[in-house]
C-alpha atoms as a PDB file:
ATOM      1  CA  UNK A   1      -6.491  -3.954  -2.213  1.00  0.00           C
ATOM      2  CA  UNK A   2      -4.457  -1.773  -4.607  1.00  0.00           C
ATOM      3  CA  UNK A   3      -2.460  -4.808  -5.735  1.00  0.00           C
ATOM      4  CA  UNK A   4      -5.668  -6.684  -6.536  1.00  0.00           C
ATOM      5  CA  UNK A   5      -6.940  -3.844  -8.742  1.00  0.00           C
ATOM      6  CA  UNK A   6      -3.537  -3.463 -10.436  1.00  0.00           C
ATOM      7  CA  UNK A   7      -3.567  -7.176 -11.292  1.00  0.00           C
ATOM      8  CA  UNK A   8      -7.140  -7.056 -12.566  1.00  0.00           C
ATOM      9  CA  UNK A   9      -6.277  -4.003 -14.688  1.00  0.00           C
ATOM     10  CA  UNK A  10      -3.331  -5.807 -16.267  1.00  0.00           C
ATOM     11  CA  UNK A  11      -5.511  -8.870 -16.946  1.00  0.00           C
ATOM     12  CA  UNK A  12      -8.451  -6.783 -18.177  1.00  0.00           C
ATOM     13  CA  UNK A  13     -10.889  -8.274 -15.657  1.00  0.00           C
ATOM     14  CA  UNK A  14     -11.951  -5.240 -13.594  1.00  0.00           C
ATOM     15  CA  UNK A  15     -15.238  -4.914 -15.518  1.00  0.00           C
ATOM     16  CA  UNK A  16     -16.136  -8.552 -14.861  1.00  0.00           C
ATOM     17  CA  UNK A  17     -15.268  -8.221 -11.177  1.00  0.00           C
ATOM     18  CA  UNK A  18     -17.377  -5.084 -10.632  1.00  0.00           C
ATOM     19  CA  UNK A  19     -20.358  -6.564 -12.482  1.00  0.00           C
ATOM     20  CA  UNK A  20     -20.073  -9.690 -10.329  1.00  0.00           C
ATOM     21  CA  UNK A  21     -20.093  -7.433  -7.230  1.00  0.00           C
ATOM     22  CA  UNK A  22     -23.407  -5.853  -8.268  1.00  0.00           C
ATOM     23  CA  UNK A  23     -22.353  -2.758 -10.222  1.00  0.00           C
ATOM     24  CA  UNK A  24     -23.540  -1.711 -13.675  1.00  0.00           C
ATOM     25  CA  UNK A  25     -21.792   0.590 -16.130  1.00  0.00           C
ATOM     26  CA  UNK A  26     -23.833   3.760 -16.704  1.00  0.00           C
ATOM     27  CA  UNK A  27     -22.370   6.654 -18.713  1.00  0.00           C
ATOM     28  CA  UNK A  28     -18.777   5.494 -18.122  1.00  0.00           C
ATOM     29  CA  UNK A  29     -19.346   5.190 -14.327  1.00  0.00           C
ATOM     30  CA  UNK A  30     -19.975   2.081 -12.273  1.00  0.00           C
ATOM     31  CA  UNK A  31     -23.157   2.407 -10.209  1.00  0.00           C
ATOM     32  CA  UNK A  32     -23.973  -0.007  -7.362  1.00  0.00           C
ATOM     33  CA  UNK A  33     -27.267  -1.865  -7.750  1.00  0.00           C
ATOM     34  CA  UNK A  34     -27.459  -2.740  -4.076  1.00  0.00           C
ATOM     35  CA  UNK A  35     -28.131  -0.421  -1.158  1.00  0.00           C
ATOM     36  CA  UNK A  36     -24.947   0.687   0.556  1.00  0.00           C
ATOM     37  CA  UNK A  37     -25.243   0.908   4.321  1.00  0.00           C
ATOM     38  CA  UNK A  38     -22.787   2.847   6.435  1.00  0.00           C
ATOM     39  CA  UNK A  39     -22.269   3.385  10.110  1.00  0.00           C
ATOM     40  CA  UNK A  40     -21.350   6.727  11.567  1.00  0.00           C
ATOM     41  CA  UNK A  41     -20.358   7.186  15.181  1.00  0.00           C
ATOM     42  CA  UNK A  42     -21.794  10.237  16.923  1.00  0.00           C
ATOM     43  CA  UNK A  43     -21.512  11.640  20.409  1.00  0.00           C
ATOM     44  CA  UNK A  44     -24.097  13.475  22.501  1.00  0.00           C
ATOM     45  CA  UNK A  45     -23.181  15.693  25.413  1.00  0.00           C
ATOM     46  CA  UNK A  46     -25.553  16.169  28.342  1.00  0.00           C
ATOM     47  CA  UNK A  47     -25.523  19.214  30.552  1.00  0.00           C
ATOM     48  CA  UNK A  48     -26.189  18.777  34.249  1.00  0.00           C
ATOM     49  CA  UNK A  49     -29.423  20.423  35.427  1.00  0.00           C
END
């Protein structure tokens, strides 16, 4: 992934790529316009009664 961003930086196409992926530039920061969903694994311990 780093190589892809290095290439886009040298070609000047990072802005186009991020806009195509659903981001907008707001106060010099790219903000996603789609809901990001994440998954977090959690564990629950049960005590014997």
